[in-house]
Amino acid sequence: MLFIAIENKTEMENSTMVYSDVTTGMDIISLVVYCVAFVLGPIGNGLVIYVTSCRIKKTANSVWFLNLALADFLFTSFLLLYIINMARGYDWPFGDILCKLYSMVTMLNMFASIFLLTAISLDRCLSTWVVVWAHNKCTPGRAEVICVGIWLASLVCSLPFTIFRQIIHHDNRTMCSYSFPHSSTGRNLVVFRFLLGFLIPFLVIIGSYIAIWIRAKRLQRGRTRRSLRIIVSVVLAFFICWMPFHVFQFMDIMEEDNQGFNLVVHIGIPLSASLAFLNSCLNPILYVFMCDEFQKKLRQSVLLVFENAFAEDHGMNFVSSTRSLSSHLSRISRS
């Protein structure tokens, strides 16, 4: 009996060591992904904000893309808080207010981004099937009104997650985590987030792009293959980035005593979250940078900077040359 007890204790210690090593490795990977998103996200979305607000004529599309970039820019800018939190071993040093604010920004980004992607899909679908009606009705002003509604709806959807996000003291650490009065509250919020933040928008996006593909095939347009490639890329990126996040959130609310199951959940949650948040860097690439008009305007913007710089130098050289010539002529006239 003593031998069995010692053997069981040894197995538990070995399992704990493996558990700690694996989770540490996954945390490092997640931290690297967060750092990449923090660096690339503001840059990519900042370029989108600049081009759509300053370089491109205001249209419904530019309004969609501008708001999408604003949501991603806001979120990726706040990622520094969570990067520091992870680097400190999930010891939150920023207080209760920033804890709630970070949670609100995270959920606001998730709902606003997905709602905006759904609006973009529906707008493209209507523009393909009812061209004249869409041209008359889908104006920039109406797109702005819809975007305001999307931001308000996203804020309302984010409030429950913000309310239950609190500072918790555990194992000599100050953790920014959820605290629910009942376990059913947490489960209901996970289901709510899955339905409104993934499943329903995903079905609408798929349906919209299927309709676009059918219409483009009937019209026999030369760009059908390119459009289909963009559609497939968008849907796959949306699915790949967000589906694992929601799967592991469902696994997390399941009460299981299996140590292997709990290890998978503990590893998968931060990893799937980092993958989902990486979508904020992919959105500019998939929805905007593949657009020929955006590429053209971006190149023009970069060229304009150099042109202004060269023009300024040229102007200074011209003034200098003029002054030298005037001085030379003045000396000649005096002599």
Protein backbone atom coordinates (compact mmCIF):
# COMPACT_ATOMS: atom_id res chain seq x y z
CA MET A 1 0.00 0.00 0.00
CA LEU A 2 2.83 2.37 0.85
CA PHE A 3 4.48 1.60 -2.50
CA ILE A 4 1.24 2.33 -4.36
CA ALA A 5 0.78 5.61 -2.48
CA ILE A 6 4.34 6.69 -3.29
CA GLU A 7 3.85 5.67 -6.92
CA ASN A 8 0.62 7.66 -7.19
CA LYS A 9 2.28 10.68 -5.60
CA THR A 10 5.17 10.43 -8.06
CA GLU A 11 2.75 10.25 -11.00
CA MET A 12 0.90 13.31 -9.71
CA GLU A 13 4.14 15.26 -9.35
CA ASN A 14 5.24 14.25 -12.86
CA SER A 15 1.84 15.24 -14.25
CA THR A 16 2.07 18.59 -12.48
CA MET A 17 5.53 19.23 -13.94
CA VAL A 18 4.36 18.33 -17.45
CA TYR A 19 1.26 20.49 -16.95
CA SER A 20 3.39 23.45 -15.87
CA ASP A 21 5.92 23.05 -18.71
CA VAL A 22 3.27 22.74 -21.41
CA THR A 23 1.20 25.68 -20.19
CA THR A 24 4.33 27.83 -19.91
CA GLY A 25 5.23 26.98 -23.50
CA MET A 26 1.75 27.83 -24.73
CA ASP A 27 1.78 31.10 -22.80
CA ILE A 28 5.05 32.05 -24.52
CA ILE A 29 3.56 31.30 -27.94
CA SER A 30 0.45 33.31 -27.09
CA LEU A 31 2.60 36.17 -25.84
CA VAL A 32 4.54 36.24 -29.12
CA VAL A 33 1.28 36.33 -31.10
CA TYR A 34 -0.03 39.18 -28.94
CA CYS A 35 3.19 41.12 -29.53
CA VAL A 36 2.89 40.60 -33.30
CA ALA A 37 -0.73 41.78 -33.21
CA PHE A 38 0.23 44.78 -31.06
CA VAL A 39 2.93 45.85 -33.54
CA LEU A 40 1.19 45.08 -36.85
CA GLY A 41 -2.38 45.89 -35.84
CA PRO A 42 -2.04 49.63 -35.22
CA ILE A 43 0.22 50.03 -38.27
CA GLY A 44 -2.05 48.19 -40.71
CA ASN A 45 -5.28 49.60 -39.36
CA GLY A 46 -3.71 53.06 -39.05
CA LEU A 47 -2.93 52.98 -42.77
CA VAL A 48 -6.50 51.93 -43.49
CA ILE A 49 -7.86 54.77 -41.35
CA TYR A 50 -5.62 57.29 -43.13
CA VAL A 51 -6.45 56.12 -46.64
CA THR A 52 -10.21 55.71 -46.10
CA SER A 53 -10.59 59.04 -44.31
CA CYS A 54 -8.12 61.21 -46.24
CA ARG A 55 -7.26 59.68 -49.61
CA ILE A 56 -10.40 57.95 -50.88
CA LYS A 57 -13.69 59.59 -51.80
CA LYS A 58 -16.31 58.89 -49.15
CA THR A 59 -18.51 55.97 -50.18
CA ALA A 60 -20.45 53.32 -48.31
CA ASN A 61 -17.48 50.96 -48.67
CA SER A 62 -15.00 53.49 -47.28
CA VAL A 63 -17.31 54.05 -44.28
CA TRP A 64 -17.46 50.28 -43.57
CA PHE A 65 -13.70 49.89 -43.85
CA LEU A 66 -12.99 52.98 -41.75
CA ASN A 67 -15.13 51.75 -38.86
CA LEU A 68 -13.73 48.23 -39.14
CA ALA A 69 -10.21 49.63 -38.93
CA LEU A 70 -11.16 51.86 -35.99
CA ALA A 71 -12.45 48.84 -34.04
CA ASP A 72 -9.30 46.84 -34.73
CA PHE A 73 -7.01 49.83 -34.09
CA LEU A 74 -8.66 50.48 -30.71
CA PHE A 75 -8.34 46.85 -29.66
CA THR A 76 -4.76 46.25 -30.81
CA SER A 77 -3.68 49.47 -29.08
CA PHE A 78 -5.01 48.12 -25.78
CA LEU A 79 -3.17 44.81 -26.23
CA LEU A 80 -0.14 46.22 -24.43
CA LEU A 81 -2.03 45.93 -21.13
CA TYR A 82 -2.61 42.22 -21.61
CA ILE A 83 0.95 41.64 -22.86
CA ILE A 84 2.29 43.11 -19.61
CA ASN A 85 -0.26 41.06 -17.65
CA MET A 86 0.89 37.82 -19.29
CA ALA A 87 4.58 38.69 -18.89
CA ARG A 88 3.95 39.14 -15.14
CA GLY A 89 2.38 35.70 -14.83
CA TYR A 90 -1.21 36.98 -15.04
CA ASP A 91 -0.62 39.46 -12.23
CA TRP A 92 -2.72 42.51 -13.18
CA PRO A 93 -1.04 45.77 -12.08
CA PHE A 94 -3.41 48.33 -13.60
CA GLY A 95 -6.33 48.37 -11.16
CA ASP A 96 -10.06 47.65 -11.41
CA ILE A 97 -11.02 50.44 -13.83
CA LEU A 98 -8.54 49.42 -16.54
CA CYS A 99 -9.47 45.79 -15.93
CA LYS A 100 -13.09 46.53 -16.82
CA LEU A 101 -12.07 48.91 -19.63
CA TYR A 102 -9.84 46.28 -21.25
CA SER A 103 -12.66 43.74 -21.09
CA MET A 104 -15.09 46.23 -22.62
CA VAL A 105 -12.69 47.13 -25.46
CA THR A 106 -12.06 43.44 -26.17
CA MET A 107 -15.74 42.52 -26.37
CA LEU A 108 -16.57 45.77 -28.18
CA ASN A 109 -14.00 44.91 -30.83
CA MET A 110 -15.30 41.37 -31.23
CA PHE A 111 -18.96 42.35 -31.64
CA ALA A 112 -18.30 45.52 -33.68
CA SER A 113 -15.89 43.75 -36.06
CA ILE A 114 -18.22 40.83 -36.70
CA PHE A 115 -21.28 43.05 -37.07
CA LEU A 116 -19.36 45.28 -39.50
CA LEU A 117 -18.16 42.29 -41.52
CA THR A 118 -21.76 41.14 -41.72
CA ALA A 119 -22.85 44.60 -42.89
CA ILE A 120 -20.10 44.60 -45.54
CA SER A 121 -21.23 41.19 -46.76
CA LEU A 122 -24.88 42.24 -46.99
CA ASP A 123 -23.92 45.50 -48.72
CA ARG A 124 -21.86 43.62 -51.32
CA CYS A 125 -24.68 41.14 -51.82
CA LEU A 126 -27.24 43.90 -52.40
CA SER A 127 -24.85 45.75 -54.71
CA THR A 128 -24.54 42.58 -56.80
CA TRP A 129 -28.21 41.62 -57.02
CA VAL A 130 -30.04 44.98 -56.97
CA VAL A 131 -27.52 47.36 -58.47
CA VAL A 132 -29.78 50.38 -59.08
CA TRP A 133 -31.54 50.16 -55.70
CA ALA A 134 -28.23 49.74 -53.87
CA HIS A 135 -26.72 52.69 -55.73
CA ASN A 136 -29.61 54.93 -54.66
CA LYS A 137 -30.13 53.63 -51.12
CA CYS A 138 -26.70 52.51 -49.91
CA THR A 139 -25.30 56.02 -49.50
CA PRO A 140 -22.37 57.04 -47.27
CA GLY A 141 -24.77 58.85 -44.94
CA ARG A 142 -26.88 55.74 -44.41
CA ALA A 143 -23.76 53.66 -43.93
CA GLU A 144 -22.66 56.05 -41.18
CA VAL A 145 -26.05 55.75 -39.48
CA ILE A 146 -25.82 51.95 -39.64
CA CYS A 147 -22.30 52.10 -38.20
CA VAL A 148 -23.53 54.19 -35.26
CA GLY A 149 -26.21 51.56 -34.66
CA ILE A 150 -23.58 48.81 -34.85
CA TRP A 151 -21.36 50.55 -32.28
CA LEU A 152 -24.31 51.04 -29.92
CA ALA A 153 -25.43 47.42 -30.31
CA SER A 154 -21.86 46.23 -29.74
CA LEU A 155 -21.60 48.36 -26.61
CA VAL A 156 -24.82 46.89 -25.23
CA CYS A 157 -23.61 43.35 -25.98
CA SER A 158 -20.31 44.11 -24.23
CA LEU A 159 -21.79 45.50 -21.01
CA PRO A 160 -22.52 42.15 -19.28
CA PHE A 161 -18.92 41.02 -19.79
CA THR A 162 -17.66 44.35 -18.46
CA ILE A 163 -19.86 44.23 -15.36
CA PHE A 164 -18.68 40.77 -14.30
CA ARG A 165 -14.99 41.51 -14.94
CA GLN A 166 -13.34 42.16 -11.59
CA ILE A 167 -10.08 42.16 -9.69
CA ILE A 168 -9.59 38.84 -7.89
CA HIS A 169 -6.82 38.11 -5.39
CA HIS A 170 -5.57 34.53 -5.71
CA ASP A 171 -2.23 32.87 -4.82
CA ASN A 172 -0.60 36.21 -3.98
CA ARG A 173 -1.59 37.55 -7.39
CA THR A 174 -4.00 40.26 -8.46
CA MET A 175 -5.91 38.78 -11.37
CA CYS A 176 -8.26 40.49 -13.82
CA SER A 177 -10.89 37.81 -14.30
CA TYR A 178 -14.62 37.10 -14.49
CA SER A 179 -16.59 36.63 -11.29
CA PHE A 180 -20.14 35.34 -11.77
CA PRO A 181 -22.72 35.10 -8.97
CA HIS A 182 -23.93 31.79 -10.41
CA SER A 183 -22.27 29.28 -12.73
CA SER A 184 -25.31 29.46 -14.99
CA THR A 185 -24.60 33.17 -15.59
CA GLY A 186 -21.22 32.36 -17.10
CA ARG A 187 -22.66 29.58 -19.25
CA ASN A 188 -25.45 31.83 -20.52
CA LEU A 189 -22.96 34.54 -21.49
CA VAL A 190 -20.81 32.01 -23.38
CA VAL A 191 -23.86 30.85 -25.34
CA PHE A 192 -24.94 34.47 -25.92
CA ARG A 193 -21.49 35.41 -27.22
CA PHE A 194 -21.36 32.35 -29.49
CA LEU A 195 -24.77 33.01 -31.06
CA LEU A 196 -24.49 36.78 -31.60
CA GLY A 197 -20.72 36.98 -31.91
CA PHE A 198 -20.13 34.05 -34.24
CA LEU A 199 -22.83 31.65 -35.43
CA ILE A 200 -25.52 34.03 -36.71
CA PRO A 201 -23.08 36.48 -38.39
CA PHE A 202 -21.12 33.57 -39.86
CA LEU A 203 -24.27 32.09 -41.44
CA VAL A 204 -25.22 35.50 -42.84
CA ILE A 205 -21.73 36.00 -44.29
CA ILE A 206 -21.73 32.56 -45.92
CA GLY A 207 -25.21 33.11 -47.35
CA SER A 208 -24.24 36.54 -48.69
CA TYR A 209 -21.13 35.33 -50.47
CA ILE A 210 -22.91 32.30 -51.91
CA ALA A 211 -25.46 34.71 -53.38
CA ILE A 212 -22.64 36.92 -54.71
CA TRP A 213 -20.94 33.92 -56.32
CA ILE A 214 -24.21 32.78 -57.96
CA ARG A 215 -24.85 36.26 -59.34
CA ALA A 216 -21.29 36.67 -60.61
CA LYS A 217 -21.45 33.26 -62.27
CA ARG A 218 -24.67 34.19 -64.07
CA LEU A 219 -23.22 37.45 -65.30
CA GLN A 220 -20.09 35.63 -66.52
CA ARG A 221 -17.80 38.40 -65.36
CA GLY A 222 -14.10 38.14 -65.99
CA ARG A 223 -13.29 38.78 -62.34
CA THR A 224 -15.40 35.89 -61.03
CA ARG A 225 -12.38 33.76 -60.18
CA ARG A 226 -10.71 36.61 -58.29
CA SER A 227 -13.93 37.44 -56.43
CA LEU A 228 -14.38 33.79 -55.46
CA ARG A 229 -10.80 33.64 -54.16
CA ILE A 230 -11.39 36.70 -51.98
CA ILE A 231 -14.69 35.28 -50.72
CA VAL A 232 -13.14 31.93 -49.78
CA SER A 233 -10.23 33.69 -48.05
CA VAL A 234 -12.55 35.91 -46.03
CA VAL A 235 -14.83 33.08 -44.89
CA LEU A 236 -11.93 30.76 -44.05
CA ALA A 237 -10.07 33.46 -42.10
CA PHE A 238 -13.22 34.29 -40.14
CA PHE A 239 -13.87 30.62 -39.37
CA ILE A 240 -10.27 29.65 -38.57
CA CYS A 241 -9.65 32.63 -36.29
CA TRP A 242 -12.86 32.56 -34.27
CA MET A 243 -14.15 28.99 -34.22
CA PRO A 244 -11.41 27.59 -31.90
CA PHE A 245 -12.02 30.45 -29.47
CA HIS A 246 -15.70 29.62 -29.06
CA VAL A 247 -15.05 25.86 -28.93
CA PHE A 248 -12.63 26.24 -26.02
CA GLN A 249 -14.98 28.66 -24.27
CA PHE A 250 -17.67 25.97 -24.37
CA MET A 251 -15.18 23.38 -23.13
CA ASP A 252 -14.23 25.68 -20.27
CA ILE A 253 -17.77 25.81 -18.87
CA MET A 254 -18.02 22.02 -18.89
CA GLU A 255 -17.37 20.54 -15.46
CA GLU A 256 -14.93 17.68 -16.02
CA ASP A 257 -12.68 15.91 -13.52
CA ASN A 258 -10.47 14.51 -16.27
CA GLN A 259 -6.99 15.98 -15.86
CA GLY A 260 -6.13 15.54 -19.53
CA PHE A 261 -9.29 17.37 -20.57
CA ASN A 262 -8.57 20.24 -18.20
CA LEU A 263 -4.99 20.44 -19.50
CA VAL A 264 -6.25 20.76 -23.08
CA VAL A 265 -8.67 23.50 -22.04
CA HIS A 266 -6.04 25.36 -20.05
CA ILE A 267 -3.68 25.28 -23.02
CA GLY A 268 -6.30 25.98 -25.67
CA ILE A 269 -7.97 29.05 -24.15
CA PRO A 270 -5.02 31.49 -24.37
CA LEU A 271 -3.86 30.00 -27.67
CA SER A 272 -7.30 30.24 -29.30
CA ALA A 273 -7.77 33.75 -27.92
CA SER A 274 -4.50 34.89 -29.48
CA LEU A 275 -5.57 33.36 -32.80
CA ALA A 276 -8.91 35.17 -32.64
CA PHE A 277 -7.28 38.47 -31.78
CA LEU A 278 -4.86 38.00 -34.68
CA ASN A 279 -7.89 38.47 -36.92
CA SER A 280 -7.61 42.18 -36.17
CA CYS A 281 -4.38 42.17 -38.22
CA LEU A 282 -5.85 40.07 -41.03
CA ASN A 283 -8.89 42.26 -41.61
CA PRO A 284 -6.96 45.08 -43.36
CA ILE A 285 -5.28 42.52 -45.62
CA LEU A 286 -8.38 40.54 -46.55
CA TYR A 287 -10.92 43.35 -46.83
CA VAL A 288 -8.91 46.35 -47.91
CA PHE A 289 -5.38 45.61 -49.09
CA MET A 290 -6.74 43.20 -51.73
CA CYS A 291 -8.73 46.10 -53.16
CA ASP A 292 -7.05 47.65 -56.21
CA GLU A 293 -8.36 51.13 -55.36
CA PHE A 294 -6.82 51.04 -51.88
CA GLN A 295 -3.46 49.87 -53.25
CA LYS A 296 -3.51 52.69 -55.79
CA LYS A 297 -4.30 55.35 -53.19
CA LEU A 298 -1.72 53.98 -50.76
CA ARG A 299 0.99 54.11 -53.41
CA GLN A 300 -0.08 57.65 -54.30
CA SER A 301 0.14 58.66 -50.63
CA VAL A 302 3.66 57.32 -50.24
CA LEU A 303 4.76 58.87 -53.52
CA LEU A 304 3.22 62.20 -52.51
CA VAL A 305 5.35 62.30 -49.37
CA PHE A 306 8.52 61.80 -51.39
CA GLU A 307 7.37 64.25 -54.04
CA ASN A 308 6.78 66.93 -51.41
CA ALA A 309 10.17 66.27 -49.85
CA PHE A 310 11.95 66.43 -53.19
CA ALA A 311 9.92 69.45 -54.25
CA GLU A 312 10.91 71.27 -51.06
CA ASP A 313 14.59 70.50 -51.62
CA HIS A 314 14.26 71.53 -55.25
CA GLY A 315 12.60 74.75 -54.19
CA MET A 316 15.38 75.52 -51.74
CA ASN A 317 18.00 74.80 -54.38
CA PHE A 318 16.11 76.99 -56.83
CA VAL A 319 15.96 79.88 -54.34
CA SER A 320 19.64 79.43 -53.54
CA SER A 321 20.53 79.38 -57.22
CA THR A 322 18.39 82.46 -57.87
CA ARG A 323 20.03 84.35 -55.05
CA SER A 324 23.51 83.40 -56.33
CA LEU A 325 22.57 84.48 -59.83
CA SER A 326 21.15 87.79 -58.59
CA SER A 327 24.26 88.46 -56.55
CA HIS A 328 26.45 87.63 -59.52
CA LEU A 329 24.47 89.93 -61.83
CA SER A 330 24.59 92.68 -59.22
CA ARG A 331 28.37 92.46 -59.03
CA ILE A 332 28.59 92.58 -62.82
CA SER A 333 26.38 95.66 -63.01
CA ARG A 334 28.44 97.45 -60.36
CA SER A 335 31.67 96.66 -62.17
